[in-house]
Amino acid sequence: MIELIYLLLSFGVVIGFIRLKINIGLSIFLGSLLLGTFFGLNPGDLLDALYTSSTEWTSLRLILIIISIMALTSVFSQIGYLKMMEKAAKCLFPSEKYSLAALPALIGLMPMPAGALVSAPMIETVANKLNLPPEKKTLVNYWFRHVWEHSWPMYQAIIITSAILGITVREFSVKMFPLSMIMILIGYLFFLKPITAGKDEKGNKKEGLRLFLKSTYPILVIIIVSIVLGYDIVYGAFIGFLSALIPHFKQVSKKEIARYAFQPKILFLLISVMYFNKILEITGAVETLPKVILELNLPITLVIILTPFLVGLMTGISFAYVGMTFPLLLPFLTGFDKIAIAYLSGYMGMLFSPVHLCLVFSSEYYQAELGKVYKRMLIPGLLLFVTGIIYIYFFL
C-alpha cells in the first residue's frame, strides 16, 4: 500500500509543478527524481537510470523520430508546403474550420509517437486565421489526432489486446469503431461547432486533392514505408524527411532545419518522459499498482475501470495500460463488454496523462497553458467516457 501512496504522491507533485507553470519537462524530471527517492534509489542509481533511459534504443529511437519530424516540419515551412496545405483545405472543405479536424485525424491513421507534432504546424495557419487561442489549438489538434486509437487496427494496443485475450483484431476494431465515431461527434460539438468561420466558399475538390497530395507526399512516404511495407517508423520518418529535403536541397536553409530539429526544450521534455518511465520500470511502481488494487477487494467493475485508467494516466502510453493490466485482469474479462470497458478506461487515463507526448508537445508547440487545456477537455472527456459506457452496456 505504501508503494501506491509513493506513486500517487510523486505523480501529484508533477501535476502540481505543471499547475504552478513550471516547465513541463522540468516538472516531469523532478517528479522522476522524487519517485526514485521514495523507492529507495540513491543518487548513483538515479544517475544510472538517467544515463540508461537516455541512451537505450527505445529512447534514441524516439529522439530520432522527433528530430526527423521537426526537420520535416522546417522543410515544409521553408518551401511553402504549409501554405499549400491551407489552400488544399480551403478547396476540400466547405468551411475551413473542418480542416482543423481532418488533418490531425489523417495523421492519426499513422501510429507514431508524438504524431501531434506533425499535424500541429499543418493546422496552425488556419487556426491563427480563425483567431483560436493556444489552448483551443492544442485541444483540436490533440483530440482529433487520437480519434482512431479505439479502433484503427494498426495501433499496438489493439494488436496486443488481441494477442492477450485471444480475439481477432478485426472483431475488436469493428466493435470498438463506434467509439471513434462518438469521439469525432463530441469533438465537433465542443471544439469545432463553436468556431466562427468566414462565409463558406465553393470548394474545388480536384484542385484541393492535387494540392493536398503535393504538399503531404512526404507524410504519404512515411505511411508507405512504415505501414504498407512494415518498416520501423524511425526509418519511415527519416525517409519522409529526405523525400521533402532532397528535391529542395539548394533552396532551404540547412542551418534553420538543424536549429528547428534540435530544440533543447523539446529534447529535454522527451528525455524527461523517458526518464519517468524508466524510474517506473526500475522501481516496479506501476507493476505494483494493479496488484494493490486487486488486493483492496473492490467491486470487479471498479477494478476493471480503475486499474487500466491509473496505469494509462501514469505512463501516457496505450500499449502500456494494455500490456501491464490486461494479463492481471484476464480472469475478470469474461465478455467483450468488460474488455471494452477496460480498454476505454485505460484510454481515458492516457488521454489525460501529463506525460503523454502528444499532449505535452502540442502544448509546448502552441505555448498553451496545460492547466487551461485540462479544464477545457474535462467535460468532453467525461462525456466520451459516459457515452462510451452506455454504448458498451447496451450494444456489447
Protein backbone atom coordinates (compact mmCIF):
# COMPACT_ATOMS: atom_id res chain seq x y z
CA MET A 1 0.00 0.00 0.00
CA ILE A 2 2.86 2.37 0.80
CA GLU A 3 4.15 1.94 -2.79
CA LEU A 4 0.80 3.17 -4.12
CA ILE A 5 0.97 6.23 -1.86
CA TYR A 6 4.52 7.00 -3.04
CA LEU A 7 3.45 6.63 -6.67
CA LEU A 8 0.39 8.85 -6.36
CA LEU A 9 2.32 11.44 -4.34
CA SER A 10 5.09 11.67 -6.94
CA PHE A 11 2.55 11.95 -9.72
CA GLY A 12 0.69 14.63 -7.78
CA VAL A 13 3.93 16.62 -7.48
CA VAL A 14 4.37 16.52 -11.27
CA ILE A 15 0.83 17.82 -11.77
CA GLY A 16 1.33 20.44 -9.04
CA PHE A 17 4.51 21.77 -10.65
CA ILE A 18 2.78 21.97 -14.03
CA ARG A 19 -0.10 23.91 -12.44
CA LEU A 20 2.47 26.32 -10.99
CA LYS A 21 3.55 26.91 -14.61
CA ILE A 22 6.95 25.32 -14.10
CA ASN A 23 8.40 23.99 -17.37
CA ILE A 24 6.68 20.70 -18.22
CA GLY A 25 9.91 18.85 -18.88
CA LEU A 26 11.43 20.08 -15.63
CA SER A 27 8.25 19.16 -13.71
CA ILE A 28 8.36 15.60 -15.02
CA PHE A 29 12.11 15.34 -14.36
CA LEU A 30 11.76 16.49 -10.75
CA GLY A 31 8.83 14.12 -10.25
CA SER A 32 11.02 11.29 -11.53
CA LEU A 33 13.74 12.10 -9.01
CA LEU A 34 11.20 12.20 -6.19
CA LEU A 35 9.66 8.88 -7.22
CA GLY A 36 13.07 7.22 -7.36
CA THR A 37 13.99 8.63 -3.95
CA PHE A 38 10.73 7.38 -2.41
CA PHE A 39 11.52 3.88 -3.69
CA GLY A 40 14.99 3.89 -2.18
CA LEU A 41 17.20 4.78 -5.15
CA ASN A 42 20.39 6.58 -4.17
CA PRO A 43 21.93 9.41 -6.26
CA GLY A 44 24.11 6.91 -8.13
CA ASP A 45 21.10 4.79 -9.02
CA LEU A 46 19.22 7.88 -10.21
CA LEU A 47 22.15 8.91 -12.42
CA ASP A 48 22.46 5.38 -13.82
CA ALA A 49 18.74 5.39 -14.61
CA LEU A 50 19.08 8.75 -16.36
CA TYR A 51 22.02 7.51 -18.43
CA THR A 52 20.24 4.27 -19.34
CA SER A 53 16.94 5.95 -20.22
CA SER A 54 18.76 8.49 -22.41
CA THR A 55 20.95 6.04 -24.30
CA GLU A 56 18.94 2.84 -24.75
CA TRP A 57 17.50 2.18 -28.21
CA THR A 58 13.88 2.85 -27.13
CA SER A 59 14.78 6.43 -26.23
CA LEU A 60 17.21 7.01 -29.08
CA ARG A 61 14.55 5.73 -31.48
CA LEU A 62 12.06 8.27 -30.15
CA ILE A 63 14.62 11.07 -30.30
CA LEU A 64 15.44 10.21 -33.93
CA ILE A 65 11.74 10.13 -34.82
CA ILE A 66 11.10 13.51 -33.17
CA ILE A 67 14.17 15.07 -34.81
CA SER A 68 13.04 13.76 -38.22
CA ILE A 69 9.52 15.10 -37.68
CA MET A 70 10.78 18.51 -36.59
CA ALA A 71 13.22 18.66 -39.51
CA LEU A 72 10.41 17.73 -41.89
CA THR A 73 8.27 20.50 -40.41
CA SER A 74 11.06 23.02 -41.01
CA VAL A 75 11.34 21.94 -44.66
CA PHE A 76 7.55 22.18 -45.02
CA SER A 77 7.62 25.72 -43.68
CA GLN A 78 10.55 26.90 -45.82
CA ILE A 79 9.27 25.56 -49.16
CA GLY A 80 5.70 26.74 -48.61
CA TYR A 81 4.02 23.37 -48.14
CA LEU A 82 2.19 24.57 -45.04
CA LYS A 83 0.62 27.36 -47.10
CA MET A 84 -0.21 24.82 -49.77
CA MET A 85 -1.94 22.66 -47.17
CA GLU A 86 -4.03 25.66 -46.18
CA LYS A 87 -5.09 26.17 -49.81
CA ALA A 88 -5.86 22.47 -50.15
CA ALA A 89 -8.02 22.60 -47.03
CA LYS A 90 -9.96 25.56 -48.44
CA CYS A 91 -10.66 23.65 -51.64
CA LEU A 92 -11.57 20.37 -49.95
CA PHE A 93 -13.80 21.61 -47.14
CA PRO A 94 -16.89 23.83 -47.39
CA SER A 95 -15.82 25.53 -44.16
CA GLU A 96 -12.10 25.80 -43.47
CA LYS A 97 -12.59 25.05 -39.77
CA TYR A 98 -13.21 21.40 -40.66
CA SER A 99 -9.62 21.10 -41.86
CA LEU A 100 -8.62 21.64 -38.22
CA ALA A 101 -10.05 18.19 -37.51
CA ALA A 102 -9.35 16.44 -40.81
CA LEU A 103 -5.59 16.96 -40.86
CA PRO A 104 -4.86 15.65 -37.32
CA ALA A 105 -7.26 12.76 -37.97
CA LEU A 106 -5.29 11.90 -41.11
CA ILE A 107 -2.06 11.84 -39.12
CA GLY A 108 -3.88 9.73 -36.52
CA LEU A 109 -4.08 6.91 -39.07
CA MET A 110 -0.30 6.67 -38.77
CA PRO A 111 0.57 5.23 -35.33
CA MET A 112 3.69 7.09 -34.28
CA PRO A 113 4.97 8.68 -31.07
CA ALA A 114 4.24 12.40 -30.79
CA GLY A 115 2.30 12.35 -34.07
CA ALA A 116 0.57 15.55 -32.96
CA LEU A 117 3.86 17.31 -33.72
CA VAL A 118 3.27 16.54 -37.41
CA SER A 119 -0.27 17.90 -37.50
CA ALA A 120 0.38 20.91 -35.23
CA PRO A 121 2.07 23.06 -37.91
CA MET A 122 -0.34 21.76 -40.56
CA ILE A 123 -3.34 23.40 -38.89
CA GLU A 124 -1.59 26.42 -37.41
CA THR A 125 -2.21 28.83 -40.31
CA VAL A 126 -5.95 28.14 -40.40
CA ALA A 127 -6.12 28.21 -36.58
CA ASN A 128 -4.42 31.61 -36.50
CA LYS A 129 -6.76 32.93 -39.19
CA LEU A 130 -9.72 31.84 -37.06
CA ASN A 131 -8.14 33.56 -34.02
CA LEU A 132 -8.04 30.43 -31.88
CA PRO A 133 -6.24 30.74 -28.53
CA PRO A 134 -3.27 28.40 -27.88
CA GLU A 135 -5.36 26.12 -25.66
CA LYS A 136 -8.02 25.66 -28.34
CA LYS A 137 -5.37 24.88 -30.96
CA THR A 138 -3.86 22.30 -28.63
CA LEU A 139 -7.22 20.68 -27.90
CA VAL A 140 -8.35 20.43 -31.52
CA ASN A 141 -5.02 19.02 -32.65
CA TYR A 142 -4.73 16.60 -29.72
CA TRP A 143 -8.33 15.39 -29.67
CA PHE A 144 -8.69 14.61 -33.37
CA ARG A 145 -5.19 13.11 -33.56
CA HIS A 146 -6.44 10.31 -31.24
CA VAL A 147 -9.94 9.54 -32.51
CA TRP A 148 -8.82 6.33 -34.25
CA GLU A 149 -6.97 4.78 -31.31
CA HIS A 150 -10.14 2.97 -30.23
CA SER A 151 -10.44 1.02 -33.47
CA TRP A 152 -7.66 1.52 -36.06
CA PRO A 153 -6.05 -1.96 -36.37
CA MET A 154 -2.52 -0.57 -36.83
CA TYR A 155 -2.29 0.61 -33.21
CA GLN A 156 -0.04 -1.51 -30.99
CA ALA A 157 -2.51 -1.51 -28.11
CA ILE A 158 -5.17 -3.19 -30.24
CA ILE A 159 -2.72 -5.79 -31.55
CA ILE A 160 -1.50 -6.56 -28.01
CA THR A 161 -5.09 -6.77 -26.74
CA SER A 162 -5.85 -9.28 -29.47
CA ALA A 163 -2.83 -11.40 -28.53
CA ILE A 164 -3.50 -11.36 -24.77
CA LEU A 165 -7.23 -12.03 -24.94
CA GLY A 166 -7.33 -14.32 -27.94
CA ILE A 167 -9.75 -12.26 -30.00
CA THR A 168 -9.21 -11.17 -33.59
CA VAL A 169 -8.06 -7.66 -34.40
CA ARG A 170 -10.97 -7.43 -36.83
CA GLU A 171 -13.56 -8.23 -34.16
CA PHE A 172 -12.05 -5.71 -31.76
CA SER A 173 -11.83 -2.95 -34.40
CA VAL A 174 -15.38 -3.45 -35.70
CA LYS A 175 -16.98 -3.49 -32.24
CA MET A 176 -14.96 -0.50 -31.00
CA PHE A 177 -15.37 1.60 -34.16
CA PRO A 178 -18.49 3.41 -32.81
CA LEU A 179 -16.31 4.82 -30.03
CA SER A 180 -14.21 6.56 -32.68
CA MET A 181 -17.40 8.00 -34.19
CA ILE A 182 -18.59 9.12 -30.74
CA MET A 183 -15.27 10.87 -30.13
CA ILE A 184 -15.46 12.63 -33.50
CA LEU A 185 -19.01 13.80 -32.75
CA ILE A 186 -18.07 15.10 -29.30
CA GLY A 187 -15.02 16.86 -30.79
CA TYR A 188 -17.24 18.51 -33.37
CA LEU A 189 -19.81 19.70 -30.80
CA PHE A 190 -17.29 21.07 -28.31
CA PHE A 191 -14.34 22.18 -30.40
CA LEU A 192 -15.45 22.84 -34.00
CA LYS A 193 -19.08 23.95 -33.90
CA PRO A 194 -18.40 26.98 -31.62
CA ILE A 195 -15.75 28.32 -34.03
CA THR A 196 -16.99 31.23 -36.09
CA ALA A 197 -15.61 30.83 -39.60
CA GLY A 198 -15.91 33.05 -42.62
CA LYS A 199 -18.57 32.60 -45.24
CA ASP A 200 -18.36 29.17 -46.83
CA GLU A 201 -16.76 29.29 -50.23
CA LYS A 202 -17.39 26.90 -53.07
CA GLY A 203 -14.72 24.26 -52.97
CA ASN A 204 -12.72 22.70 -55.76
CA LYS A 205 -12.25 19.06 -54.80
CA LYS A 206 -9.99 18.21 -57.73
CA GLU A 207 -7.63 21.13 -57.14
CA GLY A 208 -7.76 20.55 -53.39
CA LEU A 209 -6.77 16.89 -53.80
CA ARG A 210 -3.91 17.86 -56.12
CA LEU A 211 -2.55 20.43 -53.68
CA PHE A 212 -3.06 18.08 -50.75
CA LEU A 213 -1.12 15.23 -52.37
CA LYS A 214 1.63 17.59 -53.48
CA SER A 215 2.05 19.14 -50.04
CA THR A 216 1.73 15.95 -47.98
CA TYR A 217 3.58 13.42 -50.13
CA PRO A 218 6.39 13.10 -47.52
CA ILE A 219 3.75 12.02 -44.99
CA LEU A 220 2.43 9.51 -47.52
CA VAL A 221 6.01 8.27 -47.89
CA ILE A 222 6.12 7.70 -44.12
CA ILE A 223 2.84 5.78 -44.27
CA ILE A 224 4.04 3.60 -47.18
CA VAL A 225 7.41 2.82 -45.57
CA SER A 226 6.10 2.24 -42.05
CA ILE A 227 2.62 0.76 -42.55
CA VAL A 228 2.42 -0.67 -46.06
CA LEU A 229 5.98 -2.02 -46.15
CA GLY A 230 6.14 -2.63 -42.41
CA TYR A 231 9.48 -0.98 -41.57
CA ASP A 232 10.03 0.74 -38.22
CA ILE A 233 8.59 4.25 -38.05
CA VAL A 234 12.09 5.59 -37.31
CA TYR A 235 13.09 4.71 -40.89
CA GLY A 236 9.79 5.97 -42.28
CA ALA A 237 10.16 9.35 -40.57
CA PHE A 238 13.74 9.79 -41.78
CA ILE A 239 12.96 8.74 -45.37
CA GLY A 240 9.92 11.03 -45.33
CA PHE A 241 12.17 13.91 -44.26
CA LEU A 242 14.67 13.11 -47.04
CA SER A 243 11.87 12.93 -49.62
CA ALA A 244 10.97 16.52 -48.75
CA LEU A 245 14.53 17.79 -48.40
CA ILE A 246 16.30 16.36 -51.47
CA PRO A 247 14.12 17.99 -54.20
CA HIS A 248 14.56 21.37 -52.48
CA PHE A 249 18.06 20.90 -51.08
CA LYS A 250 19.54 24.10 -52.54
CA GLN A 251 16.70 26.44 -51.64
CA VAL A 252 16.28 25.54 -47.96
CA SER A 253 18.46 26.68 -45.08
CA LYS A 254 20.19 23.64 -43.57
CA LYS A 255 21.11 25.75 -40.54
CA GLU A 256 17.43 26.57 -39.96
CA ILE A 257 16.48 22.91 -40.30
CA ALA A 258 19.09 21.92 -37.69
CA ARG A 259 18.02 24.74 -35.36
CA TYR A 260 14.37 23.69 -35.54
CA ALA A 261 15.03 19.94 -35.35
CA PHE A 262 17.34 20.08 -32.31
CA GLN A 263 15.31 22.25 -29.95
CA PRO A 264 16.71 21.77 -26.40
CA LYS A 265 13.31 22.21 -24.71
CA ILE A 266 11.67 19.54 -26.88
CA LEU A 267 14.56 17.09 -26.47
CA PHE A 268 14.70 17.65 -22.69
CA LEU A 269 10.96 17.09 -22.46
CA LEU A 270 11.32 13.80 -24.33
CA ILE A 271 14.23 12.67 -22.14
CA SER A 272 12.26 13.60 -19.01
CA VAL A 273 9.28 11.49 -20.09
CA MET A 274 11.53 8.54 -20.88
CA TYR A 275 13.32 9.01 -17.54
CA PHE A 276 9.99 8.95 -15.71
CA ASN A 277 9.06 5.71 -17.45
CA LYS A 278 12.48 4.19 -16.68
CA ILE A 279 12.08 5.02 -12.97
CA LEU A 280 8.65 3.39 -13.06
CA GLU A 281 10.24 0.32 -14.62
CA ILE A 282 13.24 0.11 -12.26
CA THR A 283 11.20 0.58 -9.09
CA GLY A 284 8.38 -1.65 -10.29
CA ALA A 285 5.98 1.10 -9.18
CA VAL A 286 3.43 0.68 -11.96
CA GLU A 287 3.57 -3.12 -11.75
CA THR A 288 2.58 -2.98 -8.08
CA LEU A 289 -0.38 -0.74 -8.87
CA PRO A 290 -2.73 -3.38 -10.37
CA LYS A 291 -1.79 -5.86 -7.64
CA VAL A 292 -2.56 -3.37 -4.86
CA ILE A 293 -5.92 -2.52 -6.42
CA LEU A 294 -6.81 -6.21 -6.71
CA GLU A 295 -5.90 -6.71 -3.04
CA LEU A 296 -8.35 -3.97 -1.99
CA ASN A 297 -11.27 -6.29 -2.82
CA LEU A 298 -13.14 -3.58 -4.69
CA PRO A 299 -16.16 -4.39 -6.90
CA ILE A 300 -14.99 -6.12 -10.07
CA THR A 301 -16.33 -3.41 -12.40
CA LEU A 302 -14.48 -0.75 -10.42
CA VAL A 303 -11.26 -2.78 -10.61
CA ILE A 304 -11.68 -3.14 -14.39
CA ILE A 305 -12.13 0.64 -14.69
CA LEU A 306 -9.60 1.86 -12.14
CA THR A 307 -6.59 -0.33 -12.92
CA PRO A 308 -6.11 0.49 -16.64
CA PHE A 309 -7.09 4.13 -16.00
CA LEU A 310 -4.34 4.68 -13.44
CA VAL A 311 -1.68 2.90 -15.49
CA GLY A 312 -2.71 4.91 -18.58
CA LEU A 313 -2.55 8.10 -16.51
CA MET A 314 0.88 7.26 -15.11
CA THR A 315 2.51 6.19 -18.38
CA GLY A 316 0.66 8.10 -21.11
CA ILE A 317 1.13 5.08 -23.39
CA SER A 318 -1.75 2.98 -24.72
CA PHE A 319 0.09 -0.32 -25.07
CA ALA A 320 1.42 0.11 -21.51
CA TYR A 321 -2.00 0.00 -19.87
CA VAL A 322 -2.93 -2.97 -22.05
CA GLY A 323 0.29 -4.89 -21.55
CA MET A 324 0.57 -4.23 -17.80
CA THR A 325 -3.01 -4.68 -16.68
CA PHE A 326 -4.85 -6.99 -19.08
CA PRO A 327 -2.87 -10.13 -18.11
CA LEU A 328 -3.73 -9.46 -14.43
CA LEU A 329 -7.36 -8.67 -15.24
CA LEU A 330 -7.74 -11.67 -17.54
CA PRO A 331 -9.92 -13.69 -15.08
CA PHE A 332 -12.37 -10.78 -14.91
CA LEU A 333 -12.54 -10.01 -18.66
CA THR A 334 -15.20 -12.64 -19.27
CA GLY A 335 -17.06 -10.85 -22.07
CA PHE A 336 -16.35 -8.26 -24.74
CA ASP A 337 -18.25 -5.64 -22.72
CA LYS A 338 -15.71 -5.92 -19.89
CA ILE A 339 -12.81 -5.88 -22.37
CA ALA A 340 -14.20 -2.71 -23.95
CA ILE A 341 -14.67 -1.03 -20.55
CA ALA A 342 -11.09 -1.86 -19.55
CA TYR A 343 -9.71 -0.53 -22.85
CA LEU A 344 -11.81 2.65 -22.73
CA SER A 345 -10.79 3.29 -19.11
CA GLY A 346 -7.10 2.94 -19.92
CA TYR A 347 -7.59 5.17 -22.95
CA MET A 348 -9.14 7.89 -20.77
CA GLY A 349 -6.18 7.73 -18.40
CA MET A 350 -3.77 8.02 -21.33
CA LEU A 351 -5.77 10.91 -22.83
CA PHE A 352 -5.43 12.95 -19.62
CA SER A 353 -1.86 11.91 -18.80
CA PRO A 354 0.58 14.81 -18.30
CA VAL A 355 3.35 12.56 -19.62
CA HIS A 356 1.53 11.79 -22.89
CA LEU A 357 3.95 13.01 -25.56
CA CYS A 358 1.25 14.29 -27.93
CA LEU A 359 -0.34 16.39 -25.19
CA VAL A 360 2.84 17.92 -23.80
CA PHE A 361 4.37 18.50 -27.24
CA SER A 362 1.17 20.13 -28.57
CA SER A 363 1.01 22.40 -25.54
CA GLU A 364 4.69 23.23 -25.90
CA TYR A 365 4.35 23.91 -29.64
CA TYR A 366 1.42 26.30 -29.24
CA GLN A 367 2.70 27.73 -25.94
CA ALA A 368 -0.56 26.76 -24.25
CA GLU A 369 -1.16 26.55 -20.50
CA LEU A 370 -1.66 22.88 -19.73
CA GLY A 371 -3.99 23.66 -16.84
CA LYS A 372 -6.38 25.51 -19.16
CA VAL A 373 -6.18 22.67 -21.67
CA TYR A 374 -7.25 20.21 -18.97
CA LYS A 375 -10.17 22.40 -17.90
CA ARG A 376 -11.48 22.61 -21.47
CA MET A 377 -11.01 18.90 -22.06
CA LEU A 378 -12.64 17.72 -18.81
CA ILE A 379 -16.32 17.85 -19.83
CA PRO A 380 -15.80 16.44 -23.36
CA GLY A 381 -13.63 13.72 -21.82
CA LEU A 382 -16.24 12.80 -19.23
CA LEU A 383 -18.91 12.78 -21.92
CA LEU A 384 -16.77 10.47 -24.05
CA PHE A 385 -16.37 8.06 -21.14
CA VAL A 386 -20.05 8.10 -20.11
CA THR A 387 -21.31 7.80 -23.70
CA GLY A 388 -18.82 5.02 -24.33
CA ILE A 389 -20.02 3.12 -21.25
CA ILE A 390 -23.63 3.50 -22.41
CA TYR A 391 -22.75 2.16 -25.86
CA ILE A 392 -20.87 -0.77 -24.34
CA TYR A 393 -23.64 -1.57 -21.87
CA PHE A 394 -26.47 -1.57 -24.43
CA PHE A 395 -24.73 -2.84 -27.56
CA LEU A 396 -21.78 -5.01 -26.49
